[in-house]
Amino acid sequence: MAAGSLLALLDDIASVLDDVALMSKTAIKGSASTFDDVAVLGKTAMKKTSGVLGDDLALNAQQVSGVNADRELPVVWAVAKGSLLNKVILVPAALLISYFIPWLITPLLMLGGAFLCFEGAEKVLHTFFHKDTDAAHTKQVSTDEKSKIRGAIRTDFILSAEIVVIALGVISSQPIMTQVIILSLIALLITVFVYGLVAGIVKLDDLGLYLSRRTSAVAQSAGRGILVLAPYLMKLLSIVGTIAMFLVGGSIILHGIPGAEHALETLLPGQGQGWVAELLIVVAHLIIGLVVGLVIVAVMSLFHKKDQTA
């Protein structure tokens, strides 16, 4: 999964937190233990959220693709600003909900997960059953930057909420100031990391064109290779992004149903242990997300037909 390839970078980010803690310890000796806790807990929380982080990257690269080349970076920047605003809202909201009404976190996450499944199912249905209108639809969407930006920020909100909640679960027993510092750092680092990579991905074709015009034969070969591979990478990210919607949505919904995850693990070979069992759990999350999405699409279609006939 995309998350596995991100662990090395997450470790680098965590080491930066360690360095910050070390320097802070030298400057403020009385607060040394607090900064150590921030570094250690920050590293743990980042690793816990790495799975969603990989999905976040794939989804956002897919969401902002398809606009005019000269507008790609402005669109990424607009979505990145929206993502920061999402986290400015989510971090204090998660802390308040966790403190005053912790039981509300799971239903809200399940609602967001169901919405992701719904969006994924719509994409699948359009791909397989609306091929005649799909090209025109894609062209229309690609010219509507505001629509793309809103959709990307909306999807980012759900994924950011899960990242914040997962991180909060790791540090929930810590003092409130430690929670605020760690959640704020994670929110900022994840936003910079994800949208920095998204900007690089959407501009791969420009990099390939630049290299192909260099005098060096090696650079020209690399540029031509990038130009050939870039469209396939974007198609792959589109597929991975749609799958990620089902995986994230299905896992959220399954986790929110009491005893469902344990029941699933008991049905798997080796009582849910080993790589085969882990793969089957991922497949189960995918199927659950797809089924939930299709059911919601069907229900929404019925209500839409009733409104038309009324």
C-alpha atoms as a PDB file:
ATOM      1  CA  MET A   1       0.000   0.000   0.000  1.00  0.00           C
ATOM      2  CA  ALA A   2       1.159   3.623  -0.503  1.00  0.00           C
ATOM      3  CA  ALA A   3       1.579   4.006   3.255  1.00  0.00           C
ATOM      4  CA  GLY A   4       4.477   1.562   3.463  1.00  0.00           C
ATOM      5  CA  SER A   5       6.680   3.705   1.235  1.00  0.00           C
ATOM      6  CA  LEU A   6       6.046   6.729   3.438  1.00  0.00           C
ATOM      7  CA  LEU A   7       7.384   5.228   6.684  1.00  0.00           C
ATOM      8  CA  ALA A   8      10.994   6.217   5.940  1.00  0.00           C
ATOM      9  CA  LEU A   9      10.009   9.847   5.483  1.00  0.00           C
ATOM     10  CA  LEU A  10       7.823   9.706   8.576  1.00  0.00           C
ATOM     11  CA  ASP A  11      10.851   8.478  10.522  1.00  0.00           C
ATOM     12  CA  ASP A  12      12.806  11.459   9.164  1.00  0.00           C
ATOM     13  CA  ILE A  13      10.059  13.793  10.329  1.00  0.00           C
ATOM     14  CA  ALA A  14      10.060  12.079  13.710  1.00  0.00           C
ATOM     15  CA  SER A  15      13.846  12.497  13.949  1.00  0.00           C
ATOM     16  CA  VAL A  16      13.349  16.215  13.341  1.00  0.00           C
ATOM     17  CA  LEU A  17      10.984  16.221  16.305  1.00  0.00           C
ATOM     18  CA  ASP A  18      13.702  14.461  18.299  1.00  0.00           C
ATOM     19  CA  ASP A  19      16.207  17.168  17.301  1.00  0.00           C
ATOM     20  CA  VAL A  20      13.735  19.878  18.259  1.00  0.00           C
ATOM     21  CA  ALA A  21      13.253  18.198  21.611  1.00  0.00           C
ATOM     22  CA  LEU A  22      17.031  17.961  22.148  1.00  0.00           C
ATOM     23  CA  MET A  23      17.669  21.607  21.316  1.00  0.00           C
ATOM     24  CA  SER A  24      14.727  22.702  23.397  1.00  0.00           C
ATOM     25  CA  LYS A  25      16.026  20.629  26.305  1.00  0.00           C
ATOM     26  CA  THR A  26      19.333  22.490  26.143  1.00  0.00           C
ATOM     27  CA  ALA A  27      17.631  25.877  26.031  1.00  0.00           C
ATOM     28  CA  ILE A  28      14.944  25.129  28.598  1.00  0.00           C
ATOM     29  CA  LYS A  29      16.258  22.502  30.957  1.00  0.00           C
ATOM     30  CA  GLY A  30      13.216  22.628  33.200  1.00  0.00           C
ATOM     31  CA  SER A  31      10.955  21.533  30.319  1.00  0.00           C
ATOM     32  CA  ALA A  32      13.186  18.734  29.020  1.00  0.00           C
ATOM     33  CA  SER A  33      10.889  15.854  29.885  1.00  0.00           C
ATOM     34  CA  THR A  34       7.934  17.562  28.221  1.00  0.00           C
ATOM     35  CA  PHE A  35       9.777  17.984  24.944  1.00  0.00           C
ATOM     36  CA  ASP A  36      11.006  14.388  25.101  1.00  0.00           C
ATOM     37  CA  ASP A  37       7.401  13.264  25.493  1.00  0.00           C
ATOM     38  CA  VAL A  38       6.352  15.395  22.520  1.00  0.00           C
ATOM     39  CA  ALA A  39       9.055  13.844  20.334  1.00  0.00           C
ATOM     40  CA  VAL A  40       8.336  10.237  21.306  1.00  0.00           C
ATOM     41  CA  LEU A  41       4.557  10.567  21.184  1.00  0.00           C
ATOM     42  CA  GLY A  42       4.754  12.561  17.956  1.00  0.00           C
ATOM     43  CA  LYS A  43       6.730   9.768  16.307  1.00  0.00           C
ATOM     44  CA  THR A  44       4.224   7.149  17.495  1.00  0.00           C
ATOM     45  CA  ALA A  45       1.232   9.190  16.354  1.00  0.00           C
ATOM     46  CA  MET A  46       2.779   9.798  12.917  1.00  0.00           C
ATOM     47  CA  LYS A  47       3.359   6.087  12.393  1.00  0.00           C
ATOM     48  CA  LYS A  48      -0.197   5.288  13.491  1.00  0.00           C
ATOM     49  CA  THR A  49      -1.602   7.705  10.916  1.00  0.00           C
ATOM     50  CA  SER A  50       0.722   6.651   8.071  1.00  0.00           C
ATOM     51  CA  GLY A  51      -1.915   4.391   6.505  1.00  0.00           C
ATOM     52  CA  VAL A  52      -4.406   7.216   6.133  1.00  0.00           C
ATOM     53  CA  LEU A  53      -1.574   9.497   5.036  1.00  0.00           C
ATOM     54  CA  GLY A  54      -0.877   7.266   2.020  1.00  0.00           C
ATOM     55  CA  ASP A  55      -4.562   7.304   1.100  1.00  0.00           C
ATOM     56  CA  ASP A  56      -4.645  11.081   1.598  1.00  0.00           C
ATOM     57  CA  LEU A  57      -1.782  11.512  -0.859  1.00  0.00           C
ATOM     58  CA  ALA A  58      -3.353   9.279  -3.514  1.00  0.00           C
ATOM     59  CA  LEU A  59      -6.777  10.879  -3.180  1.00  0.00           C
ATOM     60  CA  ASN A  60      -5.548  14.464  -3.328  1.00  0.00           C
ATOM     61  CA  ALA A  61      -3.261  13.829  -6.302  1.00  0.00           C
ATOM     62  CA  GLN A  62      -6.283  12.379  -8.073  1.00  0.00           C
ATOM     63  CA  GLN A  63      -8.616  15.192  -7.023  1.00  0.00           C
ATOM     64  CA  VAL A  64      -6.473  18.082  -8.298  1.00  0.00           C
ATOM     65  CA  SER A  65      -5.486  16.446 -11.594  1.00  0.00           C
ATOM     66  CA  GLY A  66      -7.177  17.322 -14.869  1.00  0.00           C
ATOM     67  CA  VAL A  67      -6.931  21.123 -14.727  1.00  0.00           C
ATOM     68  CA  ASN A  68      -5.025  23.247 -17.242  1.00  0.00           C
ATOM     69  CA  ALA A  69      -1.252  22.933 -16.844  1.00  0.00           C
ATOM     70  CA  ASP A  70      -0.773  26.605 -15.946  1.00  0.00           C
ATOM     71  CA  ARG A  71      -3.408  26.313 -13.211  1.00  0.00           C
ATOM     72  CA  GLU A  72      -2.195  23.113 -11.518  1.00  0.00           C
ATOM     73  CA  LEU A  73      -0.040  24.741  -8.840  1.00  0.00           C
ATOM     74  CA  PRO A  74      -2.607  27.467  -8.000  1.00  0.00           C
ATOM     75  CA  VAL A  75      -5.233  24.731  -7.553  1.00  0.00           C
ATOM     76  CA  VAL A  76      -2.892  22.689  -5.332  1.00  0.00           C
ATOM     77  CA  TRP A  77      -2.131  25.810  -3.300  1.00  0.00           C
ATOM     78  CA  ALA A  78      -5.835  26.604  -2.916  1.00  0.00           C
ATOM     79  CA  VAL A  79      -6.555  23.059  -1.719  1.00  0.00           C
ATOM     80  CA  ALA A  80      -3.551  23.173   0.633  1.00  0.00           C
ATOM     81  CA  LYS A  81      -4.899  26.369   2.214  1.00  0.00           C
ATOM     82  CA  GLY A  82      -8.282  24.700   2.566  1.00  0.00           C
ATOM     83  CA  SER A  83      -6.592  21.701   4.169  1.00  0.00           C
ATOM     84  CA  LEU A  84      -4.882  23.945   6.712  1.00  0.00           C
ATOM     85  CA  LEU A  85      -8.228  25.572   7.485  1.00  0.00           C
ATOM     86  CA  ASN A  86      -9.738  22.098   7.912  1.00  0.00           C
ATOM     87  CA  LYS A  87      -7.109  21.252  10.501  1.00  0.00           C
ATOM     88  CA  VAL A  88      -7.492  24.617  12.256  1.00  0.00           C
ATOM     89  CA  ILE A  89     -11.144  23.605  12.723  1.00  0.00           C
ATOM     90  CA  LEU A  90     -10.557  19.906  13.415  1.00  0.00           C
ATOM     91  CA  VAL A  91      -7.767  20.044  16.013  1.00  0.00           C
ATOM     92  CA  PRO A  92      -9.638  22.166  18.601  1.00  0.00           C
ATOM     93  CA  ALA A  93     -12.946  20.490  17.705  1.00  0.00           C
ATOM     94  CA  ALA A  94     -11.453  17.023  18.267  1.00  0.00           C
ATOM     95  CA  LEU A  95      -9.956  18.100  21.590  1.00  0.00           C
ATOM     96  CA  LEU A  96     -13.266  19.591  22.758  1.00  0.00           C
ATOM     97  CA  ILE A  97     -15.347  16.622  21.607  1.00  0.00           C
ATOM     98  CA  SER A  98     -12.871  14.179  23.150  1.00  0.00           C
ATOM     99  CA  TYR A  99     -13.087  15.994  26.471  1.00  0.00           C
ATOM    100  CA  PHE A 100     -16.812  16.781  26.693  1.00  0.00           C
ATOM    101  CA  ILE A 101     -18.642  14.287  24.420  1.00  0.00           C
ATOM    102  CA  PRO A 102     -16.177  11.539  23.417  1.00  0.00           C
ATOM    103  CA  TRP A 103     -18.976   9.192  22.309  1.00  0.00           C
ATOM    104  CA  LEU A 104     -19.741  11.534  19.385  1.00  0.00           C
ATOM    105  CA  ILE A 105     -16.372  11.013  17.655  1.00  0.00           C
ATOM    106  CA  THR A 106     -17.173   7.541  16.312  1.00  0.00           C
ATOM    107  CA  PRO A 107     -20.588   8.413  14.779  1.00  0.00           C
ATOM    108  CA  LEU A 108     -19.112  11.489  13.112  1.00  0.00           C
ATOM    109  CA  LEU A 109     -16.246   9.459  11.679  1.00  0.00           C
ATOM    110  CA  MET A 110     -18.683   6.794  10.435  1.00  0.00           C
ATOM    111  CA  LEU A 111     -20.727   9.502   8.715  1.00  0.00           C
ATOM    112  CA  GLY A 112     -17.591  10.777   6.991  1.00  0.00           C
ATOM    113  CA  GLY A 113     -16.590   7.229   6.063  1.00  0.00           C
ATOM    114  CA  ALA A 114     -19.996   6.594   4.525  1.00  0.00           C
ATOM    115  CA  PHE A 115     -19.626   9.770   2.466  1.00  0.00           C
ATOM    116  CA  LEU A 116     -16.258   8.567   1.139  1.00  0.00           C
ATOM    117  CA  CYS A 117     -17.848   5.236   0.163  1.00  0.00           C
ATOM    118  CA  PHE A 118     -20.640   7.115  -1.597  1.00  0.00           C
ATOM    119  CA  GLU A 119     -18.199   9.245  -3.610  1.00  0.00           C
ATOM    120  CA  GLY A 120     -16.148   6.172  -4.526  1.00  0.00           C
ATOM    121  CA  ALA A 121     -19.235   4.265  -5.671  1.00  0.00           C
ATOM    122  CA  GLU A 122     -20.322   7.182  -7.844  1.00  0.00           C
ATOM    123  CA  LYS A 123     -16.914   7.225  -9.525  1.00  0.00           C
ATOM    124  CA  VAL A 124     -17.061   3.480 -10.198  1.00  0.00           C
ATOM    125  CA  LEU A 125     -20.588   3.660 -11.624  1.00  0.00           C
ATOM    126  CA  HIS A 126     -19.688   6.590 -13.876  1.00  0.00           C
ATOM    127  CA  THR A 127     -16.618   4.741 -15.113  1.00  0.00           C
ATOM    128  CA  PHE A 128     -18.467   1.538 -16.083  1.00  0.00           C
ATOM    129  CA  PHE A 129     -21.971   2.717 -16.977  1.00  0.00           C
ATOM    130  CA  HIS A 130     -21.609   6.272 -18.244  1.00  0.00           C
ATOM    131  CA  LYS A 131     -18.752   5.965 -20.728  1.00  0.00           C
ATOM    132  CA  ASP A 132     -20.615   7.966 -23.376  1.00  0.00           C
ATOM    133  CA  THR A 133     -20.988  11.014 -21.166  1.00  0.00           C
ATOM    134  CA  ASP A 134     -17.847  10.526 -19.102  1.00  0.00           C
ATOM    135  CA  ALA A 135     -15.512  12.389 -21.467  1.00  0.00           C
ATOM    136  CA  ALA A 136     -17.810  15.412 -21.627  1.00  0.00           C
ATOM    137  CA  HIS A 137     -18.297  15.267 -17.857  1.00  0.00           C
ATOM    138  CA  THR A 138     -14.524  15.129 -17.274  1.00  0.00           C
ATOM    139  CA  LYS A 139     -13.953  18.059 -19.615  1.00  0.00           C
ATOM    140  CA  GLN A 140     -16.575  20.107 -17.826  1.00  0.00           C
ATOM    141  CA  VAL A 141     -15.172  19.295 -14.389  1.00  0.00           C
ATOM    142  CA  SER A 142     -11.594  20.029 -15.487  1.00  0.00           C
ATOM    143  CA  THR A 143     -12.578  23.577 -16.424  1.00  0.00           C
ATOM    144  CA  ASP A 144     -14.426  24.172 -13.162  1.00  0.00           C
ATOM    145  CA  GLU A 145     -11.604  24.888 -10.733  1.00  0.00           C
ATOM    146  CA  LYS A 146     -13.859  25.932  -7.905  1.00  0.00           C
ATOM    147  CA  SER A 147     -15.766  22.665  -8.079  1.00  0.00           C
ATOM    148  CA  LYS A 148     -12.525  20.668  -8.018  1.00  0.00           C
ATOM    149  CA  ILE A 149     -11.144  22.678  -5.120  1.00  0.00           C
ATOM    150  CA  ARG A 150     -14.332  22.292  -3.089  1.00  0.00           C
ATOM    151  CA  GLY A 151     -14.423  18.546  -3.737  1.00  0.00           C
ATOM    152  CA  ALA A 152     -10.758  18.108  -2.794  1.00  0.00           C
ATOM    153  CA  ILE A 153     -11.130  20.153   0.402  1.00  0.00           C
ATOM    154  CA  ARG A 154     -14.261  18.190   1.330  1.00  0.00           C
ATOM    155  CA  THR A 155     -12.432  14.882   0.908  1.00  0.00           C
ATOM    156  CA  ASP A 156      -9.413  16.248   2.778  1.00  0.00           C
ATOM    157  CA  PHE A 157     -11.678  17.192   5.688  1.00  0.00           C
ATOM    158  CA  ILE A 158     -12.780  13.581   6.191  1.00  0.00           C
ATOM    159  CA  LEU A 159      -9.275  12.138   5.911  1.00  0.00           C
ATOM    160  CA  SER A 160      -7.836  14.878   8.130  1.00  0.00           C
ATOM    161  CA  ALA A 161     -10.505  14.119  10.722  1.00  0.00           C
ATOM    162  CA  GLU A 162      -9.450  10.492  10.826  1.00  0.00           C
ATOM    163  CA  ILE A 163      -5.760  11.426  11.059  1.00  0.00           C
ATOM    164  CA  VAL A 164      -6.482  13.817  13.940  1.00  0.00           C
ATOM    165  CA  VAL A 165      -8.636  11.274  15.784  1.00  0.00           C
ATOM    166  CA  ILE A 166      -6.067   8.476  15.369  1.00  0.00           C
ATOM    167  CA  ALA A 167      -3.296  10.758  16.620  1.00  0.00           C
ATOM    168  CA  LEU A 168      -5.510  11.895  19.498  1.00  0.00           C
ATOM    169  CA  GLY A 169      -6.077   8.276  20.484  1.00  0.00           C
ATOM    170  CA  VAL A 170      -2.310   7.832  20.925  1.00  0.00           C
ATOM    171  CA  ILE A 171      -1.910  10.902  23.149  1.00  0.00           C
ATOM    172  CA  SER A 172      -5.297  11.034  24.913  1.00  0.00           C
ATOM    173  CA  SER A 173      -3.762  10.252  28.314  1.00  0.00           C
ATOM    174  CA  GLN A 174      -1.272  13.138  28.080  1.00  0.00           C
ATOM    175  CA  PRO A 175      -1.673  16.661  29.516  1.00  0.00           C
ATOM    176  CA  ILE A 176      -3.806  18.933  27.375  1.00  0.00           C
ATOM    177  CA  MET A 177      -0.854  21.164  26.417  1.00  0.00           C
ATOM    178  CA  THR A 178       1.080  18.155  25.115  1.00  0.00           C
ATOM    179  CA  GLN A 179      -1.959  17.094  23.079  1.00  0.00           C
ATOM    180  CA  VAL A 180      -2.294  20.563  21.548  1.00  0.00           C
ATOM    181  CA  ILE A 181       1.404  20.723  20.597  1.00  0.00           C
ATOM    182  CA  ILE A 182       1.537  17.235  19.064  1.00  0.00           C
ATOM    183  CA  LEU A 183      -1.732  17.548  17.125  1.00  0.00           C
ATOM    184  CA  SER A 184      -0.734  20.969  15.797  1.00  0.00           C
ATOM    185  CA  LEU A 185       2.697  19.720  14.680  1.00  0.00           C
ATOM    186  CA  ILE A 186       1.235  16.636  13.005  1.00  0.00           C
ATOM    187  CA  ALA A 187      -1.448  18.691  11.240  1.00  0.00           C
ATOM    188  CA  LEU A 188       1.136  21.152   9.893  1.00  0.00           C
ATOM    189  CA  LEU A 189       3.736  18.552   8.855  1.00  0.00           C
ATOM    190  CA  ILE A 190       1.185  16.314   7.150  1.00  0.00           C
ATOM    191  CA  THR A 191      -0.267  19.218   5.161  1.00  0.00           C
ATOM    192  CA  VAL A 192       3.165  20.391   3.980  1.00  0.00           C
ATOM    193  CA  PHE A 193       4.248  16.831   3.157  1.00  0.00           C
ATOM    194  CA  VAL A 194       1.092  15.743   1.295  1.00  0.00           C
ATOM    195  CA  TYR A 195       0.578  18.870  -0.791  1.00  0.00           C
ATOM    196  CA  GLY A 196       4.294  19.262  -1.468  1.00  0.00           C
ATOM    197  CA  LEU A 197       4.255  15.782  -3.003  1.00  0.00           C
ATOM    198  CA  VAL A 198       0.969  16.447  -4.808  1.00  0.00           C
ATOM    199  CA  ALA A 199       2.489  19.573  -6.386  1.00  0.00           C
ATOM    200  CA  GLY A 200       5.478  17.510  -7.510  1.00  0.00           C
ATOM    201  CA  ILE A 201       3.281  14.761  -8.953  1.00  0.00           C
ATOM    202  CA  VAL A 202       1.051  17.064 -11.006  1.00  0.00           C
ATOM    203  CA  LYS A 203       4.098  18.852 -12.455  1.00  0.00           C
ATOM    204  CA  LEU A 204       5.933  15.675 -13.482  1.00  0.00           C
ATOM    205  CA  ASP A 205       5.125  16.289 -17.138  1.00  0.00           C
ATOM    206  CA  ASP A 206       6.731  19.742 -16.945  1.00  0.00           C
ATOM    207  CA  LEU A 207       9.832  18.195 -15.408  1.00  0.00           C
ATOM    208  CA  GLY A 208       9.938  15.605 -18.184  1.00  0.00           C
ATOM    209  CA  LEU A 209       9.592  18.301 -20.850  1.00  0.00           C
ATOM    210  CA  TYR A 210      12.363  20.357 -19.237  1.00  0.00           C
ATOM    211  CA  LEU A 211      14.748  17.396 -19.056  1.00  0.00           C
ATOM    212  CA  SER A 212      13.968  16.292 -22.620  1.00  0.00           C
ATOM    213  CA  ARG A 213      15.202  19.663 -23.892  1.00  0.00           C
ATOM    214  CA  ARG A 214      18.549  19.488 -22.108  1.00  0.00           C
ATOM    215  CA  THR A 215      21.770  18.869 -24.029  1.00  0.00           C
ATOM    216  CA  SER A 216      22.715  15.845 -21.929  1.00  0.00           C
ATOM    217  CA  ALA A 217      21.683  12.518 -23.463  1.00  0.00           C
ATOM    218  CA  VAL A 218      21.013  11.119 -19.992  1.00  0.00           C
ATOM    219  CA  ALA A 219      18.726  14.043 -19.115  1.00  0.00           C
ATOM    220  CA  GLN A 220      16.895  13.709 -22.427  1.00  0.00           C
ATOM    221  CA  SER A 221      16.322   9.989 -21.876  1.00  0.00           C
ATOM    222  CA  ALA A 222      15.091  10.617 -18.335  1.00  0.00           C
ATOM    223  CA  GLY A 223      12.783  13.374 -19.582  1.00  0.00           C
ATOM    224  CA  ARG A 224      11.283  11.194 -22.297  1.00  0.00           C
ATOM    225  CA  GLY A 225      10.793   8.408 -19.763  1.00  0.00           C
ATOM    226  CA  ILE A 226       8.973  10.755 -17.389  1.00  0.00           C
ATOM    227  CA  LEU A 227       6.758  12.037 -20.204  1.00  0.00           C
ATOM    228  CA  VAL A 228       5.797   8.473 -21.115  1.00  0.00           C
ATOM    229  CA  LEU A 229       5.186   7.374 -17.518  1.00  0.00           C
ATOM    230  CA  ALA A 230       3.429  10.520 -16.189  1.00  0.00           C
ATOM    231  CA  PRO A 231      -0.013   9.823 -17.781  1.00  0.00           C
ATOM    232  CA  TYR A 232       0.065   6.239 -16.535  1.00  0.00           C
ATOM    233  CA  LEU A 233       0.993   7.445 -13.052  1.00  0.00           C
ATOM    234  CA  MET A 234      -1.988   9.811 -13.004  1.00  0.00           C
ATOM    235  CA  LYS A 235      -4.301   6.993 -14.140  1.00  0.00           C
ATOM    236  CA  LEU A 236      -2.844   4.749 -11.446  1.00  0.00           C
ATOM    237  CA  LEU A 237      -3.370   7.436  -8.807  1.00  0.00           C
ATOM    238  CA  SER A 238      -6.973   7.813  -9.972  1.00  0.00           C
ATOM    239  CA  ILE A 239      -7.521   4.081  -9.434  1.00  0.00           C
ATOM    240  CA  VAL A 240      -5.638   4.037  -6.131  1.00  0.00           C
ATOM    241  CA  GLY A 241      -7.545   7.112  -4.966  1.00  0.00           C
ATOM    242  CA  THR A 242     -10.907   5.478  -5.646  1.00  0.00           C
ATOM    243  CA  ILE A 243      -9.819   2.264  -3.908  1.00  0.00           C
ATOM    244  CA  ALA A 244      -8.604   4.365  -0.985  1.00  0.00           C
ATOM    245  CA  MET A 245     -12.087   5.833  -0.605  1.00  0.00           C
ATOM    246  CA  PHE A 246     -13.514   2.343  -0.087  1.00  0.00           C
ATOM    247  CA  LEU A 247     -10.653   1.193   2.151  1.00  0.00           C
ATOM    248  CA  VAL A 248     -10.783   4.205   4.450  1.00  0.00           C
ATOM    249  CA  GLY A 249     -14.576   4.393   4.473  1.00  0.00           C
ATOM    250  CA  GLY A 250     -15.015   0.640   4.994  1.00  0.00           C
ATOM    251  CA  SER A 251     -12.451   0.490   7.807  1.00  0.00           C
ATOM    252  CA  ILE A 252     -14.057   3.469   9.593  1.00  0.00           C
ATOM    253  CA  ILE A 253     -17.515   1.900   9.379  1.00  0.00           C
ATOM    254  CA  LEU A 254     -16.297  -1.537  10.484  1.00  0.00           C
ATOM    255  CA  HIS A 255     -14.362  -0.032  13.389  1.00  0.00           C
ATOM    256  CA  GLY A 256     -17.429   1.923  14.478  1.00  0.00           C
ATOM    257  CA  ILE A 257     -19.622  -1.189  14.819  1.00  0.00           C
ATOM    258  CA  PRO A 258     -18.989  -2.776  18.247  1.00  0.00           C
ATOM    259  CA  GLY A 259     -17.415  -6.231  17.940  1.00  0.00           C
ATOM    260  CA  ALA A 260     -17.364  -6.192  14.117  1.00  0.00           C
ATOM    261  CA  GLU A 261     -13.575  -6.124  13.763  1.00  0.00           C
ATOM    262  CA  HIS A 262     -13.107  -8.931  16.279  1.00  0.00           C
ATOM    263  CA  ALA A 263     -15.759 -11.011  14.538  1.00  0.00           C
ATOM    264  CA  LEU A 264     -14.019 -10.478  11.199  1.00  0.00           C
ATOM    265  CA  GLU A 265     -10.637 -11.513  12.599  1.00  0.00           C
ATOM    266  CA  THR A 266     -12.061 -14.734  14.057  1.00  0.00           C
ATOM    267  CA  LEU A 267     -13.303 -15.730  10.602  1.00  0.00           C
ATOM    268  CA  LEU A 268      -9.839 -15.383   9.064  1.00  0.00           C
ATOM    269  CA  PRO A 269      -7.099 -18.036   8.880  1.00  0.00           C
ATOM    270  CA  GLY A 270      -4.838 -18.037  11.934  1.00  0.00           C
ATOM    271  CA  GLN A 271      -7.317 -15.914  13.891  1.00  0.00           C
ATOM    272  CA  GLY A 272      -6.378 -12.771  12.012  1.00  0.00           C
ATOM    273  CA  GLN A 273      -2.588 -13.249  12.261  1.00  0.00           C
ATOM    274  CA  GLY A 274      -0.037 -13.225   9.421  1.00  0.00           C
ATOM    275  CA  TRP A 275       0.195 -11.395   6.114  1.00  0.00           C
ATOM    276  CA  VAL A 276      -2.547 -13.475   4.483  1.00  0.00           C
ATOM    277  CA  ALA A 277      -4.988 -12.524   7.215  1.00  0.00           C
ATOM    278  CA  GLU A 278      -3.940  -8.871   6.982  1.00  0.00           C
ATOM    279  CA  LEU A 279      -4.501  -8.939   3.224  1.00  0.00           C
ATOM    280  CA  LEU A 280      -7.939 -10.488   3.719  1.00  0.00           C
ATOM    281  CA  ILE A 281      -8.808  -7.775   6.238  1.00  0.00           C
ATOM    282  CA  VAL A 282      -7.876  -5.111   3.667  1.00  0.00           C
ATOM    283  CA  VAL A 283     -10.035  -6.887   1.056  1.00  0.00           C
ATOM    284  CA  ALA A 284     -12.902  -7.045   3.566  1.00  0.00           C
ATOM    285  CA  HIS A 285     -12.615  -3.294   4.192  1.00  0.00           C
ATOM    286  CA  LEU A 286     -12.649  -2.716   0.429  1.00  0.00           C
ATOM    287  CA  ILE A 287     -15.768  -4.867  -0.069  1.00  0.00           C
ATOM    288  CA  ILE A 288     -17.568  -3.285   2.884  1.00  0.00           C
ATOM    289  CA  GLY A 289     -16.777   0.197   1.562  1.00  0.00           C
ATOM    290  CA  LEU A 290     -17.972  -0.705  -1.932  1.00  0.00           C
ATOM    291  CA  VAL A 291     -21.212  -2.273  -0.666  1.00  0.00           C
ATOM    292  CA  VAL A 292     -21.974   0.669   1.638  1.00  0.00           C
ATOM    293  CA  GLY A 293     -21.277   3.127  -1.191  1.00  0.00           C
ATOM    294  CA  LEU A 294     -23.510   1.268  -3.669  1.00  0.00           C
ATOM    295  CA  VAL A 295     -26.330   1.068  -1.112  1.00  0.00           C
ATOM    296  CA  ILE A 296     -26.142   4.810  -0.452  1.00  0.00           C
ATOM    297  CA  VAL A 297     -26.090   5.559  -4.201  1.00  0.00           C
ATOM    298  CA  ALA A 298     -29.158   3.318  -4.662  1.00  0.00           C
ATOM    299  CA  VAL A 299     -31.026   5.032  -1.819  1.00  0.00           C
ATOM    300  CA  MET A 300     -30.108   8.485  -3.117  1.00  0.00           C
ATOM    301  CA  SER A 301     -31.269   7.488  -6.620  1.00  0.00           C
ATOM    302  CA  LEU A 302     -34.648   6.340  -5.265  1.00  0.00           C
ATOM    303  CA  PHE A 303     -35.169   9.640  -3.449  1.00  0.00           C
ATOM    304  CA  HIS A 304     -34.114  11.538  -6.578  1.00  0.00           C
ATOM    305  CA  LYS A 305     -36.631   9.617  -8.714  1.00  0.00           C
ATOM    306  CA  LYS A 306     -39.391  10.276  -6.168  1.00  0.00           C
ATOM    307  CA  ASP A 307     -38.621  13.987  -6.241  1.00  0.00           C
ATOM    308  CA  GLN A 308     -38.826  13.977 -10.054  1.00  0.00           C
ATOM    309  CA  THR A 309     -42.168  12.152 -10.130  1.00  0.00           C
ATOM    310  CA  ALA A 310     -43.683  14.242  -7.333  1.00  0.00           C
END
